[in-house]
Amino acid sequence: MQNAYVSAYRAIGSFNARAAFGTWLYRIVYNACVDELRRRPARAHVTLEDARDHPDRGDQPADVIAERGALAAALAALTPEHRAVVLLVDAEGFSYEEAAAALGISSGTVGSRLSRARAALRPALSAAFARDGAP
């Protein structure tokens, strides 16, 4: 995040309001995240702190942590481009157009990447959730 903020601070003079400020800032953060992912080896883990931050659905804590671990592992297996569209559209609630603007791609590309990402996530997540009888 620090790299993204420094990049935004340095580039604020080049912001020309062709897009919303939030979209411009999302693009900078996205680029910083992709750069960081390329520098680091892939690791999937969920801390107990992260698991506690989410509301309890009445499941056993071990099941919740296992499900979150399965989700984290499935997301980590996606390419950064596919992971970005899943997180923006499915987790953050962006429209295809908003995600496209944030990522600097067309809304059609968002749709196609989202379809491929969901197809890749489906087998991994259905296997993880099937053992508990969940949908």
C-alpha atoms as a PDB file:
ATOM      1  CA  MET A   1       0.000   0.000   0.000  1.00  0.00           C
ATOM      2  CA  GLN A   2       2.864   2.361   0.742  1.00  0.00           C
ATOM      3  CA  ASN A   3       4.217   1.948  -2.777  1.00  0.00           C
ATOM      4  CA  ALA A   4       0.765   2.672  -4.187  1.00  0.00           C
ATOM      5  CA  TYR A   5       0.378   5.822  -2.099  1.00  0.00           C
ATOM      6  CA  VAL A   6       3.825   7.062  -3.062  1.00  0.00           C
ATOM      7  CA  SER A   7       3.050   6.374  -6.729  1.00  0.00           C
ATOM      8  CA  ALA A   8      -0.270   8.220  -6.454  1.00  0.00           C
ATOM      9  CA  TYR A   9       1.391  11.175  -4.723  1.00  0.00           C
ATOM     10  CA  ARG A  10       4.032  11.391  -7.423  1.00  0.00           C
ATOM     11  CA  ALA A  11       1.473  11.084 -10.234  1.00  0.00           C
ATOM     12  CA  ILE A  12      -1.229  13.398  -8.840  1.00  0.00           C
ATOM     13  CA  GLY A  13      -0.093  16.136 -11.214  1.00  0.00           C
ATOM     14  CA  SER A  14      -0.875  13.898 -14.177  1.00  0.00           C
ATOM     15  CA  PHE A  15      -4.460  13.203 -13.053  1.00  0.00           C
ATOM     16  CA  ASN A  16      -6.631  14.811 -15.717  1.00  0.00           C
ATOM     17  CA  ALA A  17     -10.171  13.868 -14.602  1.00  0.00           C
ATOM     18  CA  ARG A  18     -10.930  11.780 -17.708  1.00  0.00           C
ATOM     19  CA  ALA A  19     -11.867   9.080 -15.224  1.00  0.00           C
ATOM     20  CA  ALA A  20     -13.111   9.284 -11.653  1.00  0.00           C
ATOM     21  CA  PHE A  21     -10.413   9.858  -9.054  1.00  0.00           C
ATOM     22  CA  GLY A  22     -11.278   6.523  -7.391  1.00  0.00           C
ATOM     23  CA  THR A  23     -10.841   4.672 -10.672  1.00  0.00           C
ATOM     24  CA  TRP A  24      -7.488   6.349 -11.244  1.00  0.00           C
ATOM     25  CA  LEU A  25      -6.371   5.437  -7.723  1.00  0.00           C
ATOM     26  CA  TYR A  26      -7.603   1.825  -8.085  1.00  0.00           C
ATOM     27  CA  ARG A  27      -5.485   1.492 -11.213  1.00  0.00           C
ATOM     28  CA  ILE A  28      -2.384   2.669  -9.357  1.00  0.00           C
ATOM     29  CA  VAL A  29      -3.077   0.276  -6.453  1.00  0.00           C
ATOM     30  CA  TYR A  30      -3.766  -2.578  -8.874  1.00  0.00           C
ATOM     31  CA  ASN A  31      -0.458  -1.997 -10.666  1.00  0.00           C
ATOM     32  CA  ALA A  32       1.412  -1.860  -7.347  1.00  0.00           C
ATOM     33  CA  CYS A  33      -0.217  -5.130  -6.255  1.00  0.00           C
ATOM     34  CA  VAL A  34       0.584  -6.913  -9.507  1.00  0.00           C
ATOM     35  CA  ASP A  35       4.184  -5.712  -9.272  1.00  0.00           C
ATOM     36  CA  GLU A  36       4.416  -7.033  -5.710  1.00  0.00           C
ATOM     37  CA  LEU A  37       2.892 -10.385  -6.713  1.00  0.00           C
ATOM     38  CA  ARG A  38       5.462 -10.774  -9.465  1.00  0.00           C
ATOM     39  CA  ARG A  39       8.292 -10.108  -7.027  1.00  0.00           C
ATOM     40  CA  ARG A  40       7.116 -12.554  -4.344  1.00  0.00           C
ATOM     41  CA  PRO A  41       6.645 -16.291  -4.563  1.00  0.00           C
ATOM     42  CA  ALA A  42       3.005 -17.365  -4.305  1.00  0.00           C
ATOM     43  CA  ARG A  43       1.908 -18.255  -0.786  1.00  0.00           C
ATOM     44  CA  ALA A  44      -1.605 -18.947   0.372  1.00  0.00           C
ATOM     45  CA  HIS A  45      -2.432 -18.608   4.033  1.00  0.00           C
ATOM     46  CA  VAL A  46      -5.187 -17.305   6.244  1.00  0.00           C
ATOM     47  CA  THR A  47      -4.293 -15.981   9.661  1.00  0.00           C
ATOM     48  CA  LEU A  48      -6.481 -16.545  12.672  1.00  0.00           C
ATOM     49  CA  GLU A  49      -6.841 -12.762  12.872  1.00  0.00           C
ATOM     50  CA  ASP A  50      -8.393 -12.712   9.398  1.00  0.00           C
ATOM     51  CA  ALA A  51     -10.695 -15.609  10.233  1.00  0.00           C
ATOM     52  CA  ARG A  52     -11.987 -13.790  13.340  1.00  0.00           C
ATOM     53  CA  ASP A  53     -12.852 -10.646  11.371  1.00  0.00           C
ATOM     54  CA  HIS A  54     -15.691 -12.338   9.495  1.00  0.00           C
ATOM     55  CA  PRO A  55     -19.185 -12.950  10.905  1.00  0.00           C
ATOM     56  CA  ASP A  56     -19.949 -16.401  12.259  1.00  0.00           C
ATOM     57  CA  ARG A  57     -22.491 -18.320  10.215  1.00  0.00           C
ATOM     58  CA  GLY A  58     -22.929 -20.849  12.999  1.00  0.00           C
ATOM     59  CA  ASP A  59     -20.306 -23.163  11.523  1.00  0.00           C
ATOM     60  CA  GLN A  60     -17.592 -24.749  13.549  1.00  0.00           C
ATOM     61  CA  PRO A  61     -14.444 -22.571  13.653  1.00  0.00           C
ATOM     62  CA  ALA A  62     -12.320 -25.306  12.102  1.00  0.00           C
ATOM     63  CA  ASP A  63     -14.766 -25.583   9.182  1.00  0.00           C
ATOM     64  CA  VAL A  64     -14.782 -21.819   8.639  1.00  0.00           C
ATOM     65  CA  ILE A  65     -10.982 -21.671   8.642  1.00  0.00           C
ATOM     66  CA  ALA A  66     -10.788 -24.636   6.254  1.00  0.00           C
ATOM     67  CA  GLU A  67     -13.283 -22.976   3.883  1.00  0.00           C
ATOM     68  CA  ARG A  68     -11.410 -19.686   3.981  1.00  0.00           C
ATOM     69  CA  GLY A  69      -8.179 -21.544   3.379  1.00  0.00           C
ATOM     70  CA  ALA A  70      -9.719 -23.290   0.382  1.00  0.00           C
ATOM     71  CA  LEU A  71     -10.932 -19.951  -0.982  1.00  0.00           C
ATOM     72  CA  ALA A  72      -7.536 -18.323  -0.436  1.00  0.00           C
ATOM     73  CA  ALA A  73      -5.769 -21.236  -2.134  1.00  0.00           C
ATOM     74  CA  ALA A  74      -8.194 -21.196  -5.072  1.00  0.00           C
ATOM     75  CA  LEU A  75      -7.763 -17.430  -5.515  1.00  0.00           C
ATOM     76  CA  ALA A  76      -3.981 -17.736  -5.238  1.00  0.00           C
ATOM     77  CA  ALA A  77      -4.004 -20.282  -8.064  1.00  0.00           C
ATOM     78  CA  LEU A  78      -5.551 -17.722 -10.443  1.00  0.00           C
ATOM     79  CA  THR A  79      -3.447 -15.393 -12.552  1.00  0.00           C
ATOM     80  CA  PRO A  80      -3.231 -11.833 -11.160  1.00  0.00           C
ATOM     81  CA  GLU A  81      -5.461 -10.611 -13.996  1.00  0.00           C
ATOM     82  CA  HIS A  82      -8.189 -13.161 -13.245  1.00  0.00           C
ATOM     83  CA  ARG A  83      -7.889 -12.648  -9.486  1.00  0.00           C
ATOM     84  CA  ALA A  84      -8.289  -8.884  -9.938  1.00  0.00           C
ATOM     85  CA  VAL A  85     -11.600  -9.153 -11.798  1.00  0.00           C
ATOM     86  CA  VAL A  86     -13.006 -11.690  -9.327  1.00  0.00           C
ATOM     87  CA  LEU A  87     -12.115  -9.500  -6.368  1.00  0.00           C
ATOM     88  CA  LEU A  88     -13.349  -6.278  -7.952  1.00  0.00           C
ATOM     89  CA  VAL A  89     -16.644  -7.661  -9.292  1.00  0.00           C
ATOM     90  CA  ASP A  90     -17.552 -10.449  -6.865  1.00  0.00           C
ATOM     91  CA  ALA A  91     -15.957  -9.229  -3.634  1.00  0.00           C
ATOM     92  CA  GLU A  92     -16.092  -5.438  -4.005  1.00  0.00           C
ATOM     93  CA  GLY A  93     -19.303  -5.203  -6.036  1.00  0.00           C
ATOM     94  CA  PHE A  94     -17.884  -3.227  -8.965  1.00  0.00           C
ATOM     95  CA  SER A  95     -19.861  -3.200 -12.195  1.00  0.00           C
ATOM     96  CA  TYR A  96     -18.101  -4.543 -15.283  1.00  0.00           C
ATOM     97  CA  GLU A  97     -17.622  -0.956 -16.480  1.00  0.00           C
ATOM     98  CA  GLU A  98     -16.123   0.192 -13.155  1.00  0.00           C
ATOM     99  CA  ALA A  99     -13.784  -2.802 -13.028  1.00  0.00           C
ATOM    100  CA  ALA A 100     -12.792  -2.196 -16.660  1.00  0.00           C
ATOM    101  CA  ALA A 101     -11.936   1.422 -15.922  1.00  0.00           C
ATOM    102  CA  ALA A 102      -9.947   0.477 -12.813  1.00  0.00           C
ATOM    103  CA  LEU A 103      -7.985  -2.184 -14.694  1.00  0.00           C
ATOM    104  CA  GLY A 104      -7.571  -0.308 -17.960  1.00  0.00           C
ATOM    105  CA  ILE A 105      -9.322  -2.972 -20.038  1.00  0.00           C
ATOM    106  CA  SER A 106     -12.663  -3.227 -21.855  1.00  0.00           C
ATOM    107  CA  SER A 107     -15.820  -4.374 -20.076  1.00  0.00           C
ATOM    108  CA  GLY A 108     -15.942  -7.328 -22.489  1.00  0.00           C
ATOM    109  CA  THR A 109     -12.504  -8.377 -21.304  1.00  0.00           C
ATOM    110  CA  VAL A 110     -13.722  -8.112 -17.705  1.00  0.00           C
ATOM    111  CA  GLY A 111     -16.603 -10.440 -18.579  1.00  0.00           C
ATOM    112  CA  SER A 112     -14.397 -12.958 -20.315  1.00  0.00           C
ATOM    113  CA  ARG A 113     -11.770 -12.967 -17.547  1.00  0.00           C
ATOM    114  CA  LEU A 114     -14.484 -13.268 -14.917  1.00  0.00           C
ATOM    115  CA  SER A 115     -16.011 -16.234 -16.732  1.00  0.00           C
ATOM    116  CA  ARG A 116     -12.647 -18.000 -16.991  1.00  0.00           C
ATOM    117  CA  ALA A 117     -11.801 -17.222 -13.356  1.00  0.00           C
ATOM    118  CA  ARG A 118     -15.134 -18.530 -12.085  1.00  0.00           C
ATOM    119  CA  ALA A 119     -14.703 -21.674 -14.186  1.00  0.00           C
ATOM    120  CA  ALA A 120     -11.276 -22.216 -12.602  1.00  0.00           C
ATOM    121  CA  LEU A 121     -12.600 -21.549  -9.080  1.00  0.00           C
ATOM    122  CA  ARG A 122     -15.670 -23.784  -9.378  1.00  0.00           C
ATOM    123  CA  PRO A 123     -13.961 -27.226  -9.111  1.00  0.00           C
ATOM    124  CA  ALA A 124     -11.634 -26.176  -6.303  1.00  0.00           C
ATOM    125  CA  LEU A 125     -14.380 -24.604  -4.240  1.00  0.00           C
ATOM    126  CA  SER A 126     -17.026 -27.248  -4.891  1.00  0.00           C
ATOM    127  CA  ALA A 127     -14.605 -29.921  -3.680  1.00  0.00           C
ATOM    128  CA  ALA A 128     -13.824 -27.944  -0.520  1.00  0.00           C
ATOM    129  CA  PHE A 129     -17.454 -27.198   0.297  1.00  0.00           C
ATOM    130  CA  ALA A 130     -18.851 -30.590  -0.746  1.00  0.00           C
ATOM    131  CA  ARG A 131     -17.189 -32.366   2.142  1.00  0.00           C
ATOM    132  CA  ASP A 132     -19.416 -30.424   4.573  1.00  0.00           C
ATOM    133  CA  GLY A 133     -22.561 -30.859   2.527  1.00  0.00           C
ATOM    134  CA  ALA A 134     -22.643 -27.154   1.679  1.00  0.00           C
ATOM    135  CA  PRO A 135     -23.717 -26.002  -1.811  1.00  0.00           C
END
